[in-house]
Amino acid sequence: MNSSQLVIGSERRGRAGRVAVTEAPPAALGPPDYADAFQVGRRATDGRSAESWARAGFDGLPTAARRAALFIHRRIFGFDLGEWDSPDHVFGWRIVSSEPELLHLEAHSRLMSGRMLWRLEADTLTMTTFVRYGMRRAAPTIWAVLGNVHRGGAPGLLTLAARASEAG
């Protein structure tokens, strides 16, 4: 099994990957300038909440990847992040709401605002990211480069979250 595969149910195999955005953006964000979604399969017997999935994914990041992501979020995007592992934050992003099937996270700066929605369904977890630019000249240029890092890392993040269930 490679780094982006996991077992779904007892016999099917799935891949963490990009899917169409079907989630509506949070009203407080306004119309997003960017949106994407990534999905991974989950076992029907996995009783973890959406928040537990998100924490497992971020906690599973290798130290160097975690530090790099936090550097980008804090120093380049300028997000005013909380403690990465506090009860009110996941990876520094503020928890707006946490229900068993839906986790809503947000981070803000003058440059941009971001929202992440982690939604559980019967056999999948979908992470949808919305970005709204604050600085209309700088933000699109910065996101054009660093959005590639996000899109490259998101499948691995979801795979880490899924593997936490397999290990548990």
Protein backbone atom coordinates (compact mmCIF):
# COMPACT_ATOMS: atom_id res chain seq x y z
CA MET A 1 0.00 0.00 0.00
CA ASN A 2 1.57 3.36 -0.95
CA SER A 3 1.36 6.56 1.09
CA SER A 4 -1.97 7.67 -0.38
CA GLN A 5 -3.86 4.37 -0.17
CA LEU A 6 -5.87 2.95 2.67
CA VAL A 7 -8.34 0.17 3.21
CA ILE A 8 -11.98 1.21 3.09
CA GLY A 9 -14.41 -1.17 4.71
CA SER A 10 -12.98 -4.64 4.71
CA GLU A 11 -12.14 -5.17 1.05
CA ARG A 12 -12.17 -2.02 -1.10
CA ARG A 13 -9.16 0.23 -1.46
CA GLY A 14 -9.38 3.97 -1.85
CA ARG A 15 -7.13 6.88 -2.48
CA ALA A 16 -7.07 10.26 -0.79
CA GLY A 17 -7.52 12.76 -3.57
CA ARG A 18 -9.10 15.90 -4.88
CA VAL A 19 -12.85 15.95 -5.49
CA ALA A 20 -15.39 18.55 -6.61
CA VAL A 21 -16.37 21.16 -4.02
CA THR A 22 -19.93 20.44 -2.92
CA GLU A 23 -19.83 22.22 0.47
CA ALA A 24 -21.32 25.72 0.65
CA PRO A 25 -18.87 28.33 1.92
CA PRO A 26 -19.52 29.64 5.43
CA ALA A 27 -21.66 32.78 5.19
CA ALA A 28 -19.32 34.79 7.42
CA LEU A 29 -16.50 34.35 4.88
CA GLY A 30 -18.29 35.96 1.97
CA PRO A 31 -17.76 34.69 -1.56
CA PRO A 32 -14.47 32.77 -1.62
CA ASP A 33 -11.69 33.60 -4.05
CA TYR A 34 -10.54 29.99 -3.94
CA ALA A 35 -12.05 26.65 -2.90
CA ASP A 36 -10.97 23.03 -3.09
CA ALA A 37 -11.93 19.71 -1.56
CA PHE A 38 -10.11 16.47 -0.82
CA GLN A 39 -11.64 13.18 0.24
CA VAL A 40 -10.57 9.89 1.74
CA GLY A 41 -12.52 6.73 2.47
CA ARG A 42 -13.31 5.71 6.02
CA ARG A 43 -14.45 2.53 7.65
CA ALA A 44 -18.13 2.42 8.58
CA THR A 45 -17.05 1.23 12.03
CA ASP A 46 -14.81 4.27 12.60
CA GLY A 47 -16.63 6.23 15.33
CA ARG A 48 -14.25 9.20 15.49
CA SER A 49 -15.63 12.72 15.22
CA ALA A 50 -14.62 15.11 12.45
CA GLU A 51 -12.46 16.97 15.00
CA SER A 52 -10.70 13.72 15.95
CA TRP A 53 -9.96 13.07 12.29
CA ALA A 54 -8.46 16.54 11.86
CA ARG A 55 -6.34 16.25 15.00
CA ALA A 56 -5.10 12.80 13.95
CA GLY A 57 -4.05 14.10 10.54
CA PHE A 58 -2.19 17.14 11.84
CA ASP A 59 -0.69 15.20 14.78
CA GLY A 60 0.61 12.61 12.33
CA LEU A 61 2.61 15.13 10.31
CA PRO A 62 6.36 14.63 10.48
CA THR A 63 8.01 17.34 12.60
CA ALA A 64 9.66 19.06 9.63
CA ALA A 65 6.36 19.22 7.70
CA ARG A 66 4.51 20.54 10.77
CA ARG A 67 7.11 23.27 11.33
CA ALA A 68 7.09 24.26 7.65
CA ALA A 69 3.29 24.46 7.56
CA LEU A 70 3.15 26.51 10.75
CA PHE A 71 5.85 28.84 9.38
CA ILE A 72 3.86 29.39 6.18
CA HIS A 73 0.60 29.94 8.06
CA ARG A 74 2.08 32.32 10.64
CA ARG A 75 4.88 34.14 8.82
CA ILE A 76 3.78 34.23 5.20
CA PHE A 77 -0.01 34.15 5.42
CA GLY A 78 0.14 36.12 8.69
CA PHE A 79 -2.53 34.03 10.40
CA ASP A 80 -2.90 34.79 14.10
CA LEU A 81 -2.90 31.16 15.17
CA GLY A 82 -3.61 29.80 18.61
CA GLU A 83 -1.76 26.93 20.21
CA TRP A 84 -1.67 24.10 17.70
CA ASP A 85 -2.99 21.49 20.11
CA SER A 86 -5.31 23.49 22.41
CA PRO A 87 -8.95 22.44 22.97
CA ASP A 88 -10.07 25.61 21.13
CA HIS A 89 -7.78 25.18 18.14
CA VAL A 90 -6.70 22.50 15.70
CA PHE A 91 -3.23 23.14 14.29
CA GLY A 92 -3.63 26.71 15.51
CA TRP A 93 -6.82 27.30 13.54
CA ARG A 94 -9.73 28.46 15.72
CA ILE A 95 -12.61 26.02 16.10
CA VAL A 96 -15.78 27.82 15.01
CA SER A 97 -17.92 24.74 15.63
CA SER A 98 -17.33 21.08 16.28
CA GLU A 99 -20.10 18.55 15.83
CA PRO A 100 -19.60 14.81 15.40
CA GLU A 101 -19.98 15.01 11.60
CA LEU A 102 -18.63 18.53 10.93
CA LEU A 103 -15.63 20.54 12.10
CA HIS A 104 -15.41 24.20 11.05
CA LEU A 105 -12.01 25.90 11.46
CA GLU A 106 -10.91 29.44 10.61
CA ALA A 107 -7.78 31.56 10.44
CA HIS A 108 -7.48 35.24 9.56
CA SER A 109 -4.92 37.85 8.61
CA ARG A 110 -4.84 41.08 6.64
CA LEU A 111 -3.57 39.07 3.66
CA MET A 112 -6.36 36.47 3.59
CA SER A 113 -8.91 34.48 5.54
CA GLY A 114 -9.20 30.73 5.45
CA ARG A 115 -11.91 28.24 6.43
CA MET A 116 -11.55 24.49 6.61
CA LEU A 117 -14.57 22.22 6.86
CA TRP A 118 -14.02 18.57 7.75
CA ARG A 119 -17.21 16.60 7.00
CA LEU A 120 -17.85 12.94 7.77
CA GLU A 121 -20.29 10.94 5.71
CA ALA A 122 -21.11 7.22 5.76
CA ASP A 123 -17.86 6.06 4.17
CA THR A 124 -15.84 9.22 3.49
CA LEU A 125 -14.20 12.22 5.09
CA THR A 126 -14.05 15.39 3.01
CA MET A 127 -11.88 18.39 3.84
CA THR A 128 -12.97 21.56 2.03
CA THR A 129 -10.83 24.69 2.12
CA PHE A 130 -12.08 28.18 1.32
CA VAL A 131 -9.78 31.21 0.92
CA ARG A 132 -10.83 34.84 0.68
CA TYR A 133 -8.23 37.43 -0.21
CA GLY A 134 -7.86 40.48 2.00
CA MET A 135 -5.00 42.17 0.17
CA ARG A 136 -6.25 41.99 -3.41
CA ARG A 137 -2.84 42.45 -5.04
CA ALA A 138 -0.55 40.36 -2.86
CA ALA A 139 -2.79 37.47 -1.80
CA PRO A 140 -3.48 35.95 -5.26
CA THR A 141 0.24 35.95 -6.06
CA ILE A 142 1.21 34.33 -2.75
CA TRP A 143 -1.61 31.79 -2.98
CA ALA A 144 -0.66 30.95 -6.60
CA VAL A 145 2.63 29.61 -5.25
CA LEU A 146 1.73 28.29 -1.80
CA GLY A 147 -1.65 26.91 -2.85
CA ASN A 148 0.37 24.26 -4.68
CA VAL A 149 1.90 23.22 -1.35
CA HIS A 150 -1.61 22.96 0.12
CA ARG A 151 -2.90 20.90 -2.81
CA GLY A 152 0.15 18.66 -2.68
CA GLY A 153 -0.09 18.05 1.06
CA ALA A 154 -3.83 17.68 1.60
CA PRO A 155 -4.11 14.07 0.35
CA GLY A 156 -1.27 13.02 2.67
CA LEU A 157 -2.91 14.80 5.61
CA LEU A 158 -6.15 12.88 5.05
CA THR A 159 -4.26 9.63 4.63
CA LEU A 160 -2.53 10.22 7.98
CA ALA A 161 -5.92 10.79 9.59
CA ALA A 162 -7.29 7.57 8.06
CA ARG A 163 -4.27 5.56 9.11
CA ALA A 164 -4.72 6.69 12.72
CA SER A 165 -7.91 4.61 12.73
CA GLU A 166 -6.14 1.58 11.31
CA ALA A 167 -3.44 1.82 13.98
CA GLY A 168 -5.94 2.25 16.81
